[in-house]
Structure formats: structure tokens, C-alpha cells
Amino acid sequence: MTALIYIAAALAEIGGCFAFWVWLRLGKSVWWIVPGTASLLLFAYLLTLVPSDAAGRAFAAYGGVYIVASLAWLWAVEGVRPDRWDVAGAALCLAGAAVILLGPRTA
């Protein structure tokens, strides 16, 4: 369930940020900020659903998922294929996220 929450949060965050990018960098209508803001609010809410004893740990682990989702967005939406360095970096980040999420904790 945590993986699904992180994936949904990543899509919401990237979509929200992209809406602002479209408005500010591509010169599109200011109305792009309406769905962008809603998407960013959804992102923040979704991260509160992650079962974690600390917000910082949930956010840190999310970072690896965000990086992979950003590269998927790069390819699917922007039409730029990630290169081997992108893929290697994303794999390292996912490994780090797994250590943060799954590492044994002492009380």
C-alpha cells in the first residue's frame, strides 16, 4: 500500500509542478495554477497516509520514488528518453529509499 501511495503522491506532485511550469515557463494561461494547486494539495495529503513513525522519514523515502516518477514523466510527457546515467541514479535513489523504509528500527 505504501508504494501505491508514494506513486500517487509523485504523480500529483509532478503534475502540480508541471502546471506551474506550463504557466510560468511556457507562457500558458494563468488558469493552469488552479489544477496545479489542487494537485499539490493532493500530494501533501497523500504523504500523510504513509505509515511511518516520523514525517521526515516518510518524506525522505518518498524522494527515491519521486526521482523515478520524474524520469518516467520526462519520457512519457516530455518525450525525452532517460539515459543510462538517469537510470543508474534512479536505481541508487530507490535503493536508498528502501533502506530508509525497510531498515530495522530500534526503539
PDB file of N, CA and C in Angstrom:
ATOM      1  N   MET A   1       0.822  -1.195   0.000  1.00  0.00           N
ATOM      2  CA  MET A   1       0.000   0.000   0.000  1.00  0.00           C
ATOM      3  C   MET A   1       0.870   1.264   0.000  1.00  0.00           C
ATOM      4  N   THR A   2       1.979   1.236   0.738  1.00  0.00           N
ATOM      5  CA  THR A   2       2.866   2.395   0.801  1.00  0.00           C
ATOM      6  C   THR A   2       3.395   2.750  -0.582  1.00  0.00           C
ATOM      7  N   ALA A   3       3.765   1.747  -1.358  1.00  0.00           N
ATOM      8  CA  ALA A   3       4.280   2.010  -2.707  1.00  0.00           C
ATOM      9  C   ALA A   3       3.226   2.709  -3.561  1.00  0.00           C
ATOM     10  N   LEU A   4       1.978   2.277  -3.459  1.00  0.00           N
ATOM     11  CA  LEU A   4       0.909   2.915  -4.233  1.00  0.00           C
ATOM     12  C   LEU A   4       0.690   4.366  -3.800  1.00  0.00           C
ATOM     13  N   ILE A   5       0.765   4.608  -2.502  1.00  0.00           N
ATOM     14  CA  ILE A   5       0.621   5.981  -2.005  1.00  0.00           C
ATOM     15  C   ILE A   5       1.752   6.852  -2.542  1.00  0.00           C
ATOM     16  N   TYR A   6       2.973   6.338  -2.491  1.00  0.00           N
ATOM     17  CA  TYR A   6       4.111   7.105  -2.991  1.00  0.00           C
ATOM     18  C   TYR A   6       3.986   7.383  -4.490  1.00  0.00           C
ATOM     19  N   ILE A   7       3.550   6.406  -5.246  1.00  0.00           N
ATOM     20  CA  ILE A   7       3.390   6.602  -6.693  1.00  0.00           C
ATOM     21  C   ILE A   7       2.315   7.651  -6.971  1.00  0.00           C
ATOM     22  N   ALA A   8       1.183   7.556  -6.280  1.00  0.00           N
ATOM     23  CA  ALA A   8       0.116   8.545  -6.461  1.00  0.00           C
ATOM     24  C   ALA A   8       0.594   9.936  -6.043  1.00  0.00           C
ATOM     25  N   ALA A   9       1.340  10.008  -4.934  1.00  0.00           N
ATOM     26  CA  ALA A   9       1.864  11.298  -4.473  1.00  0.00           C
ATOM     27  C   ALA A   9       2.830  11.884  -5.497  1.00  0.00           C
ATOM     28  N   ALA A  10       3.676  11.035  -6.064  1.00  0.00           N
ATOM     29  CA  ALA A  10       4.637  11.518  -7.064  1.00  0.00           C
ATOM     30  C   ALA A  10       3.910  12.072  -8.290  1.00  0.00           C
ATOM     31  N   LEU A  11       2.907  11.362  -8.756  1.00  0.00           N
ATOM     32  CA  LEU A  11       2.157  11.852  -9.915  1.00  0.00           C
ATOM     33  C   LEU A  11       1.455  13.170  -9.602  1.00  0.00           C
ATOM     34  N   ALA A  12       0.909  13.275  -8.394  1.00  0.00           N
ATOM     35  CA  ALA A  12       0.241  14.516  -8.001  1.00  0.00           C
ATOM     36  C   ALA A  12       1.248  15.669  -7.902  1.00  0.00           C
ATOM     37  N   GLU A  13       2.405  15.413  -7.316  1.00  0.00           N
ATOM     38  CA  GLU A  13       3.398  16.480  -7.182  1.00  0.00           C
ATOM     39  C   GLU A  13       3.952  16.905  -8.536  1.00  0.00           C
ATOM     40  N   ILE A  14       4.300  15.945  -9.343  1.00  0.00           N
ATOM     41  CA  ILE A  14       4.859  16.270 -10.660  1.00  0.00           C
ATOM     42  C   ILE A  14       3.825  16.987 -11.514  1.00  0.00           C
ATOM     43  N   GLY A  15       2.587  16.507 -11.479  1.00  0.00           N
ATOM     44  CA  GLY A  15       1.528  17.171 -12.243  1.00  0.00           C
ATOM     45  C   GLY A  15       1.317  18.604 -11.783  1.00  0.00           C
ATOM     46  N   GLY A  16       1.325  18.814 -10.471  1.00  0.00           N
ATOM     47  CA  GLY A  16       1.154  20.166  -9.935  1.00  0.00           C
ATOM     48  C   GLY A  16       2.300  21.084 -10.310  1.00  0.00           C
ATOM     49  N   CYS A  17       3.499  20.585 -10.162  1.00  0.00           N
ATOM     50  CA  CYS A  17       4.668  21.395 -10.518  1.00  0.00           C
ATOM     51  C   CYS A  17       4.706  21.670 -12.017  1.00  0.00           C
ATOM     52  N   PHE A  18       4.328  20.678 -12.811  1.00  0.00           N
ATOM     53  CA  PHE A  18       4.317  20.859 -14.263  1.00  0.00           C
ATOM     54  C   PHE A  18       3.303  21.926 -14.667  1.00  0.00           C
ATOM     55  N   ALA A  19       2.165  21.980 -13.969  1.00  0.00           N
ATOM     56  CA  ALA A  19       1.167  23.005 -14.284  1.00  0.00           C
ATOM     57  C   ALA A  19       1.754  24.406 -14.082  1.00  0.00           C
ATOM     58  N   PHE A  20       2.508  24.591 -13.016  1.00  0.00           N
ATOM     59  CA  PHE A  20       3.142  25.886 -12.794  1.00  0.00           C
ATOM     60  C   PHE A  20       4.228  26.146 -13.839  1.00  0.00           C
ATOM     61  N   TRP A  21       4.946  25.112 -14.221  1.00  0.00           N
ATOM     62  CA  TRP A  21       5.973  25.220 -15.271  1.00  0.00           C
ATOM     63  C   TRP A  21       5.329  25.688 -16.577  1.00  0.00           C
ATOM     64  N   VAL A  22       4.196  25.062 -16.916  1.00  0.00           N
ATOM     65  CA  VAL A  22       3.495  25.421 -18.151  1.00  0.00           C
ATOM     66  C   VAL A  22       3.076  26.891 -18.116  1.00  0.00           C
ATOM     67  N   TRP A  23       2.569  27.323 -16.984  1.00  0.00           N
ATOM     68  CA  TRP A  23       2.129  28.716 -16.845  1.00  0.00           C
ATOM     69  C   TRP A  23       3.315  29.686 -16.930  1.00  0.00           C
ATOM     70  N   LEU A  24       4.329  29.448 -16.092  1.00  0.00           N
ATOM     71  CA  LEU A  24       5.421  30.415 -15.982  1.00  0.00           C
ATOM     72  C   LEU A  24       6.478  30.293 -17.071  1.00  0.00           C
ATOM     73  N   ARG A  25       6.816  29.082 -17.460  1.00  0.00           N
ATOM     74  CA  ARG A  25       7.906  28.901 -18.419  1.00  0.00           C
ATOM     75  C   ARG A  25       7.434  28.819 -19.858  1.00  0.00           C
ATOM     76  N   LEU A  26       6.224  28.314 -20.062  1.00  0.00           N
ATOM     77  CA  LEU A  26       5.726  28.165 -21.424  1.00  0.00           C
ATOM     78  C   LEU A  26       4.713  29.243 -21.800  1.00  0.00           C
ATOM     79  N   GLY A  27       4.440  30.142 -20.852  1.00  0.00           N
ATOM     80  CA  GLY A  27       3.577  31.274 -21.143  1.00  0.00           C
ATOM     81  C   GLY A  27       2.117  30.944 -21.373  1.00  0.00           C
ATOM     82  N   LYS A  28       1.636  29.864 -20.795  1.00  0.00           N
ATOM     83  CA  LYS A  28       0.224  29.494 -20.946  1.00  0.00           C
ATOM     84  C   LYS A  28      -0.633  30.262 -19.951  1.00  0.00           C
ATOM     85  N   SER A  29      -1.920  30.046 -20.016  1.00  0.00           N
ATOM     86  CA  SER A  29      -2.894  30.758 -19.197  1.00  0.00           C
ATOM     87  C   SER A  29      -2.617  30.603 -17.699  1.00  0.00           C
ATOM     88  N   VAL A  30      -2.908  31.671 -16.953  1.00  0.00           N
ATOM     89  CA  VAL A  30      -2.782  31.645 -15.502  1.00  0.00           C
ATOM     90  C   VAL A  30      -3.702  30.589 -14.888  1.00  0.00           C
ATOM     91  N   TRP A  31      -4.708  30.185 -15.606  1.00  0.00           N
ATOM     92  CA  TRP A  31      -5.644  29.167 -15.100  1.00  0.00           C
ATOM     93  C   TRP A  31      -4.981  27.811 -14.884  1.00  0.00           C
ATOM     94  N   TRP A  32      -3.798  27.607 -15.419  1.00  0.00           N
ATOM     95  CA  TRP A  32      -3.060  26.376 -15.162  1.00  0.00           C
ATOM     96  C   TRP A  32      -2.755  26.208 -13.677  1.00  0.00           C
ATOM     97  N   ILE A  33      -2.713  27.312 -12.910  1.00  0.00           N
ATOM     98  CA  ILE A  33      -2.384  27.179 -11.490  1.00  0.00           C
ATOM     99  C   ILE A  33      -3.526  26.581 -10.678  1.00  0.00           C
ATOM    100  N   VAL A  34      -4.745  26.597 -11.202  1.00  0.00           N
ATOM    101  CA  VAL A  34      -5.869  26.013 -10.462  1.00  0.00           C
ATOM    102  C   VAL A  34      -5.695  24.497 -10.325  1.00  0.00           C
ATOM    103  N   PRO A  35      -5.576  23.755 -11.429  1.00  0.00           N
ATOM    104  CA  PRO A  35      -5.346  22.309 -11.243  1.00  0.00           C
ATOM    105  C   PRO A  35      -3.978  22.025 -10.621  1.00  0.00           C
ATOM    106  N   GLY A  36      -3.013  22.915 -10.875  1.00  0.00           N
ATOM    107  CA  GLY A  36      -1.695  22.732 -10.268  1.00  0.00           C
ATOM    108  C   GLY A  36      -1.751  22.797  -8.759  1.00  0.00           C
ATOM    109  N   THR A  37      -2.462  23.764  -8.239  1.00  0.00           N
ATOM    110  CA  THR A  37      -2.609  23.897  -6.792  1.00  0.00           C
ATOM    111  C   THR A  37      -3.378  22.723  -6.206  1.00  0.00           C
ATOM    112  N   ALA A  38      -4.454  22.324  -6.859  1.00  0.00           N
ATOM    113  CA  ALA A  38      -5.231  21.170  -6.381  1.00  0.00           C
ATOM    114  C   ALA A  38      -4.367  19.912  -6.358  1.00  0.00           C
ATOM    115  N   SER A  39      -3.558  19.746  -7.376  1.00  0.00           N
ATOM    116  CA  SER A  39      -2.690  18.577  -7.445  1.00  0.00           C
ATOM    117  C   SER A  39      -1.648  18.593  -6.331  1.00  0.00           C
ATOM    118  N   LEU A  40      -1.094  19.747  -6.030  1.00  0.00           N
ATOM    119  CA  LEU A  40      -0.109  19.843  -4.952  1.00  0.00           C
ATOM    120  C   LEU A  40      -0.742  19.624  -3.579  1.00  0.00           C
ATOM    121  N   LEU A  41      -1.978  20.064  -3.411  1.00  0.00           N
ATOM    122  CA  LEU A  41      -2.694  19.779  -2.161  1.00  0.00           C
ATOM    123  C   LEU A  41      -2.935  18.277  -2.011  1.00  0.00           C
ATOM    124  N   LEU A  42      -3.307  17.618  -3.094  1.00  0.00           N
ATOM    125  CA  LEU A  42      -3.496  16.163  -3.069  1.00  0.00           C
ATOM    126  C   LEU A  42      -2.188  15.464  -2.716  1.00  0.00           C
ATOM    127  N   PHE A  43      -1.095  15.925  -3.294  1.00  0.00           N
ATOM    128  CA  PHE A  43       0.226  15.365  -2.994  1.00  0.00           C
ATOM    129  C   PHE A  43       0.515  15.425  -1.490  1.00  0.00           C
ATOM    130  N   ALA A  44       0.311  16.594  -0.901  1.00  0.00           N
ATOM    131  CA  ALA A  44       0.587  16.757   0.528  1.00  0.00           C
ATOM    132  C   ALA A  44      -0.302  15.841   1.361  1.00  0.00           C
ATOM    133  N   TYR A  45      -1.555  15.749   1.006  1.00  0.00           N
ATOM    134  CA  TYR A  45      -2.473  14.868   1.731  1.00  0.00           C
ATOM    135  C   TYR A  45      -2.023  13.411   1.626  1.00  0.00           C
ATOM    136  N   LEU A  46      -1.667  12.977   0.427  1.00  0.00           N
ATOM    137  CA  LEU A  46      -1.278  11.577   0.234  1.00  0.00           C
ATOM    138  C   LEU A  46      -0.082  11.200   1.102  1.00  0.00           C
ATOM    139  N   LEU A  47       0.873  12.105   1.254  1.00  0.00           N
ATOM    140  CA  LEU A  47       2.031  11.776   2.087  1.00  0.00           C
ATOM    141  C   LEU A  47       1.660  11.574   3.547  1.00  0.00           C
ATOM    142  N   THR A  48       0.553  12.162   3.987  1.00  0.00           N
ATOM    143  CA  THR A  48       0.125  11.937   5.375  1.00  0.00           C
ATOM    144  C   THR A  48      -0.413  10.524   5.575  1.00  0.00           C
ATOM    145  N   LEU A  49      -0.701   9.820   4.500  1.00  0.00           N
ATOM    146  CA  LEU A  49      -1.243   8.457   4.594  1.00  0.00           C
ATOM    147  C   LEU A  49      -0.166   7.389   4.725  1.00  0.00           C
ATOM    148  N   VAL A  50       1.095   7.767   4.543  1.00  0.00           N
ATOM    149  CA  VAL A  50       2.193   6.800   4.632  1.00  0.00           C
ATOM    150  C   VAL A  50       2.358   6.364   6.082  1.00  0.00           C
ATOM    151  N   PRO A  51       2.335   5.051   6.313  1.00  0.00           N
ATOM    152  CA  PRO A  51       2.519   4.566   7.683  1.00  0.00           C
ATOM    153  C   PRO A  51       3.989   4.690   8.109  1.00  0.00           C
ATOM    154  N   SER A  52       4.293   5.740   8.820  1.00  0.00           N
ATOM    155  CA  SER A  52       5.658   5.990   9.275  1.00  0.00           C
ATOM    156  C   SER A  52       5.592   6.625  10.649  1.00  0.00           C
ATOM    157  N   ASP A  53       6.611   6.355  11.455  1.00  0.00           N
ATOM    158  CA  ASP A  53       6.650   6.937  12.791  1.00  0.00           C
ATOM    159  C   ASP A  53       7.151   8.380  12.782  1.00  0.00           C
ATOM    160  N   ALA A  54       7.658   8.841  11.630  1.00  0.00           N
ATOM    161  CA  ALA A  54       8.191  10.201  11.548  1.00  0.00           C
ATOM    162  C   ALA A  54       7.961  10.759  10.146  1.00  0.00           C
ATOM    163  N   ALA A  55       7.488  11.984  10.082  1.00  0.00           N
ATOM    164  CA  ALA A  55       7.220  12.617   8.795  1.00  0.00           C
ATOM    165  C   ALA A  55       8.492  12.714   7.955  1.00  0.00           C
ATOM    166  N   GLY A  56       9.585  13.100   8.565  1.00  0.00           N
ATOM    167  CA  GLY A  56      10.834  13.242   7.823  1.00  0.00           C
ATOM    168  C   GLY A  56      11.274  11.958   7.151  1.00  0.00           C
ATOM    169  N   ARG A  57      11.082  10.837   7.829  1.00  0.00           N
ATOM    170  CA  ARG A  57      11.449   9.548   7.239  1.00  0.00           C
ATOM    171  C   ARG A  57      10.542   9.228   6.052  1.00  0.00           C
ATOM    172  N   ALA A  58       9.263   9.500   6.193  1.00  0.00           N
ATOM    173  CA  ALA A  58       8.328   9.263   5.082  1.00  0.00           C
ATOM    174  C   ALA A  58       8.696  10.135   3.891  1.00  0.00           C
ATOM    175  N   PHE A  59       9.041  11.397   4.145  1.00  0.00           N
ATOM    176  CA  PHE A  59       9.400  12.312   3.066  1.00  0.00           C
ATOM    177  C   PHE A  59      10.712  11.896   2.406  1.00  0.00           C
ATOM    178  N   ALA A  60      11.675  11.473   3.207  1.00  0.00           N
ATOM    179  CA  ALA A  60      12.972  11.069   2.663  1.00  0.00           C
ATOM    180  C   ALA A  60      12.839   9.846   1.764  1.00  0.00           C
ATOM    181  N   ALA A  61      12.079   8.866   2.211  1.00  0.00           N
ATOM    182  CA  ALA A  61      11.894   7.664   1.395  1.00  0.00           C
ATOM    183  C   ALA A  61      11.134   7.998   0.115  1.00  0.00           C
ATOM    184  N   TYR A  62      10.199   8.925   0.208  1.00  0.00           N
ATOM    185  CA  TYR A  62       9.431   9.350  -0.961  1.00  0.00           C
ATOM    186  C   TYR A  62      10.346   9.919  -2.053  1.00  0.00           C
ATOM    187  N   GLY A  63      11.437  10.530  -1.645  1.00  0.00           N
ATOM    188  CA  GLY A  63      12.348  11.152  -2.602  1.00  0.00           C
ATOM    189  C   GLY A  63      12.807  10.205  -3.701  1.00  0.00           C
ATOM    190  N   GLY A  64      13.100   8.966  -3.363  1.00  0.00           N
ATOM    191  CA  GLY A  64      13.527   7.997  -4.371  1.00  0.00           C
ATOM    192  C   GLY A  64      12.427   7.709  -5.376  1.00  0.00           C
ATOM    193  N   VAL A  65      11.218   7.575  -4.889  1.00  0.00           N
ATOM    194  CA  VAL A  65      10.075   7.324  -5.769  1.00  0.00           C
ATOM    195  C   VAL A  65       9.843   8.537  -6.668  1.00  0.00           C
ATOM    196  N   TYR A  66       9.967   9.730  -6.109  1.00  0.00           N
ATOM    197  CA  TYR A  66       9.777  10.953  -6.874  1.00  0.00           C
ATOM    198  C   TYR A  66      10.768  11.034  -8.036  1.00  0.00           C
ATOM    199  N   ILE A  67      12.004  10.674  -7.796  1.00  0.00           N
ATOM    200  CA  ILE A  67      13.020  10.739  -8.840  1.00  0.00           C
ATOM    201  C   ILE A  67      12.679   9.786  -9.983  1.00  0.00           C
ATOM    202  N   VAL A  68      12.288   8.573  -9.665  1.00  0.00           N
ATOM    203  CA  VAL A  68      11.911   7.611 -10.704  1.00  0.00           C
ATOM    204  C   VAL A  68      10.680   8.116 -11.476  1.00  0.00           C
ATOM    205  N   ALA A  69       9.689   8.623 -10.749  1.00  0.00           N
ATOM    206  CA  ALA A  69       8.482   9.138 -11.398  1.00  0.00           C
ATOM    207  C   ALA A  69       8.804  10.345 -12.276  1.00  0.00           C
ATOM    208  N   SER A  70       9.733  11.175 -11.849  1.00  0.00           N
ATOM    209  CA  SER A  70      10.125  12.332 -12.655  1.00  0.00           C
ATOM    210  C   SER A  70      10.760  11.908 -13.969  1.00  0.00           C
ATOM    211  N   LEU A  71      11.564  10.874 -13.916  1.00  0.00           N
ATOM    212  CA  LEU A  71      12.177  10.372 -15.150  1.00  0.00           C
ATOM    213  C   LEU A  71      11.140   9.716 -16.059  1.00  0.00           C
ATOM    214  N   ALA A  72      10.161   9.041 -15.467  1.00  0.00           N
ATOM    215  CA  ALA A  72       9.069   8.478 -16.266  1.00  0.00           C
ATOM    216  C   ALA A  72       8.276   9.606 -16.928  1.00  0.00           C
ATOM    217  N   TRP A  73       8.024  10.687 -16.183  1.00  0.00           N
ATOM    218  CA  TRP A  73       7.338  11.862 -16.734  1.00  0.00           C
ATOM    219  C   TRP A  73       8.163  12.466 -17.886  1.00  0.00           C
ATOM    220  N   LEU A  74       9.470  12.589 -17.674  1.00  0.00           N
ATOM    221  CA  LEU A  74      10.372  13.113 -18.693  1.00  0.00           C
ATOM    222  C   LEU A  74      10.182  12.369 -20.008  1.00  0.00           C
ATOM    223  N   TRP A  75      10.087  11.044 -19.912  1.00  0.00           N
ATOM    224  CA  TRP A  75       9.968  10.205 -21.092  1.00  0.00           C
ATOM    225  C   TRP A  75       8.549  10.245 -21.661  1.00  0.00           C
ATOM    226  N   ALA A  76       7.538  10.036 -20.813  1.00  0.00           N
ATOM    227  CA  ALA A  76       6.162   9.907 -21.284  1.00  0.00           C
ATOM    228  C   ALA A  76       5.540  11.234 -21.726  1.00  0.00           C
ATOM    229  N   VAL A  77       5.806  12.305 -20.993  1.00  0.00           N
ATOM    230  CA  VAL A  77       5.141  13.575 -21.267  1.00  0.00           C
ATOM    231  C   VAL A  77       6.009  14.506 -22.110  1.00  0.00           C
ATOM    232  N   GLU A  78       7.295  14.558 -21.784  1.00  0.00           N
ATOM    233  CA  GLU A  78       8.166  15.495 -22.491  1.00  0.00           C
ATOM    234  C   GLU A  78       8.886  14.877 -23.681  1.00  0.00           C
ATOM    235  N   GLY A  79       8.787  13.559 -23.823  1.00  0.00           N
ATOM    236  CA  GLY A  79       9.372  12.890 -24.980  1.00  0.00           C
ATOM    237  C   GLY A  79      10.885  12.795 -24.971  1.00  0.00           C
ATOM    238  N   VAL A  80      11.493  12.928 -23.789  1.00  0.00           N
ATOM    239  CA  VAL A  80      12.947  12.820 -23.668  1.00  0.00           C
ATOM    240  C   VAL A  80      13.262  11.516 -22.961  1.00  0.00           C
ATOM    241  N   ARG A  81      13.958  10.634 -23.651  1.00  0.00           N
ATOM    242  CA  ARG A  81      14.271   9.329 -23.066  1.00  0.00           C
ATOM    243  C   ARG A  81      15.415   9.445 -22.061  1.00  0.00           C
ATOM    244  N   PRO A  82      15.204   8.933 -20.838  1.00  0.00           N
ATOM    245  CA  PRO A  82      16.288   8.951 -19.849  1.00  0.00           C
ATOM    246  C   PRO A  82      17.490   8.142 -20.345  1.00  0.00           C
ATOM    247  N   ASP A  83      18.687   8.626 -20.047  1.00  0.00           N
ATOM    248  CA  ASP A  83      19.876   7.888 -20.461  1.00  0.00           C
ATOM    249  C   ASP A  83      20.326   6.943 -19.344  1.00  0.00           C
ATOM    250  N   ARG A  84      21.407   6.244 -19.571  1.00  0.00           N
ATOM    251  CA  ARG A  84      21.858   5.232 -18.600  1.00  0.00           C
ATOM    252  C   ARG A  84      22.227   5.868 -17.262  1.00  0.00           C
ATOM    253  N   TRP A  85      22.690   7.105 -17.261  1.00  0.00           N
ATOM    254  CA  TRP A  85      23.048   7.775 -16.017  1.00  0.00           C
ATOM    255  C   TRP A  85      21.801   8.145 -15.228  1.00  0.00           C
ATOM    256  N   ASP A  86      20.756   8.521 -15.934  1.00  0.00           N
ATOM    257  CA  ASP A  86      19.477   8.773 -15.268  1.00  0.00           C
ATOM    258  C   ASP A  86      18.975   7.501 -14.596  1.00  0.00           C
ATOM    259  N   VAL A  87      19.036   6.409 -15.325  1.00  0.00           N
ATOM    260  CA  VAL A  87      18.547   5.133 -14.803  1.00  0.00           C
ATOM    261  C   VAL A  87      19.401   4.664 -13.620  1.00  0.00           C
ATOM    262  N   ALA A  88      20.715   4.783 -13.745  1.00  0.00           N
ATOM    263  CA  ALA A  88      21.602   4.378 -12.646  1.00  0.00           C
ATOM    264  C   ALA A  88      21.349   5.229 -11.402  1.00  0.00           C
ATOM    265  N   GLY A  89      21.212   6.532 -11.582  1.00  0.00           N
ATOM    266  CA  GLY A  89      20.947   7.409 -10.449  1.00  0.00           C
ATOM    267  C   GLY A  89      19.615   7.100  -9.789  1.00  0.00           C
ATOM    268  N   ALA A  90      18.603   6.830 -10.608  1.00  0.00           N
ATOM    269  CA  ALA A  90      17.286   6.494 -10.062  1.00  0.00           C
ATOM    270  C   ALA A  90      17.339   5.186  -9.276  1.00  0.00           C
ATOM    271  N   ALA A  91      18.082   4.216  -9.778  1.00  0.00           N
ATOM    272  CA  ALA A  91      18.209   2.934  -9.070  1.00  0.00           C
ATOM    273  C   ALA A  91      18.882   3.143  -7.709  1.00  0.00           C
ATOM    274  N   LEU A  92      19.911   3.971  -7.665  1.00  0.00           N
ATOM    275  CA  LEU A  92      20.569   4.275  -6.390  1.00  0.00           C
ATOM    276  C   LEU A  92      19.604   4.949  -5.422  1.00  0.00           C
ATOM    277  N   CYS A  93      18.806   5.861  -5.933  1.00  0.00           N
ATOM    278  CA  CYS A  93      17.850   6.557  -5.076  1.00  0.00           C
ATOM    279  C   CYS A  93      16.782   5.610  -4.540  1.00  0.00           C
ATOM    280  N   LEU A  94      16.300   4.701  -5.385  1.00  0.00           N
ATOM    281  CA  LEU A  94      15.314   3.718  -4.922  1.00  0.00           C
ATOM    282  C   LEU A  94      15.915   2.800  -3.863  1.00  0.00           C
ATOM    283  N   ALA A  95      17.169   2.435  -4.063  1.00  0.00           N
ATOM    284  CA  ALA A  95      17.836   1.602  -3.056  1.00  0.00           C
ATOM    285  C   ALA A  95      17.916   2.360  -1.724  1.00  0.00           C
ATOM    286  N   GLY A  96      18.249   3.619  -1.773  1.00  0.00           N
ATOM    287  CA  GLY A  96      18.289   4.430  -0.561  1.00  0.00           C
ATOM    288  C   GLY A  96      16.926   4.545   0.094  1.00  0.00           C
ATOM    289  N   ALA A  97      15.886   4.722  -0.716  1.00  0.00           N
ATOM    290  CA  ALA A  97      14.523   4.795  -0.178  1.00  0.00           C
ATOM    291  C   ALA A  97      14.149   3.490   0.514  1.00  0.00           C
ATOM    292  N   ALA A  98      14.545   2.377  -0.079  1.00  0.00           N
ATOM    293  CA  ALA A  98      14.241   1.071   0.518  1.00  0.00           C
ATOM    294  C   ALA A  98      14.947   0.911   1.866  1.00  0.00           C
ATOM    295  N   VAL A  99      16.180   1.356   1.961  1.00  0.00           N
ATOM    296  CA  VAL A  99      16.917   1.273   3.222  1.00  0.00           C
ATOM    297  C   VAL A  99      16.206   2.123   4.281  1.00  0.00           C
ATOM    298  N   ILE A 100      15.786   3.308   3.901  1.00  0.00           N
ATOM    299  CA  ILE A 100      15.099   4.194   4.855  1.00  0.00           C
ATOM    300  C   ILE A 100      13.787   3.575   5.325  1.00  0.00           C
ATOM    301  N   LEU A 101      13.011   3.039   4.385  1.00  0.00           N
ATOM    302  CA  LEU A 101      11.710   2.483   4.735  1.00  0.00           C
ATOM    303  C   LEU A 101      11.778   1.152   5.455  1.00  0.00           C
ATOM    304  N   LEU A 102      12.673   0.288   5.004  1.00  0.00           N
ATOM    305  CA  LEU A 102      12.672  -1.101   5.470  1.00  0.00           C
ATOM    306  C   LEU A 102      13.750  -1.437   6.496  1.00  0.00           C
ATOM    307  N   GLY A 103      14.637  -0.490   6.777  1.00  0.00           N
ATOM    308  CA  GLY A 103      15.702  -0.752   7.730  1.00  0.00           C
ATOM    309  C   GLY A 103      15.152  -1.063   9.109  1.00  0.00           C
ATOM    310  N   PRO A 104      15.817  -1.966   9.817  1.00  0.00           N
ATOM    311  CA  PRO A 104      15.343  -2.304  11.165  1.00  0.00           C
ATOM    312  C   PRO A 104      15.463  -1.097  12.096  1.00  0.00           C
ATOM    313  N   ARG A 105      14.480  -0.892  12.888  1.00  0.00           N
ATOM    314  CA  ARG A 105      14.461   0.235  13.821  1.00  0.00           C
ATOM    315  C   ARG A 105      14.558  -0.291  15.251  1.00  0.00           C
ATOM    316  N   THR A 106      15.332   0.410  16.036  1.00  0.00           N
ATOM    317  CA  THR A 106      15.390   0.088  17.463  1.00  0.00           C
ATOM    318  C   THR A 106      14.618   1.160  18.215  1.00  0.00           C
ATOM    319  N   ALA A 107      13.931   0.736  19.220  1.00  0.00           N
ATOM    320  CA  ALA A 107      13.080   1.677  19.967  1.00  0.00           C
ATOM    321  C   ALA A 107      13.822   2.578  20.851  1.00  0.00           C
TER     322      ALA A 107
END
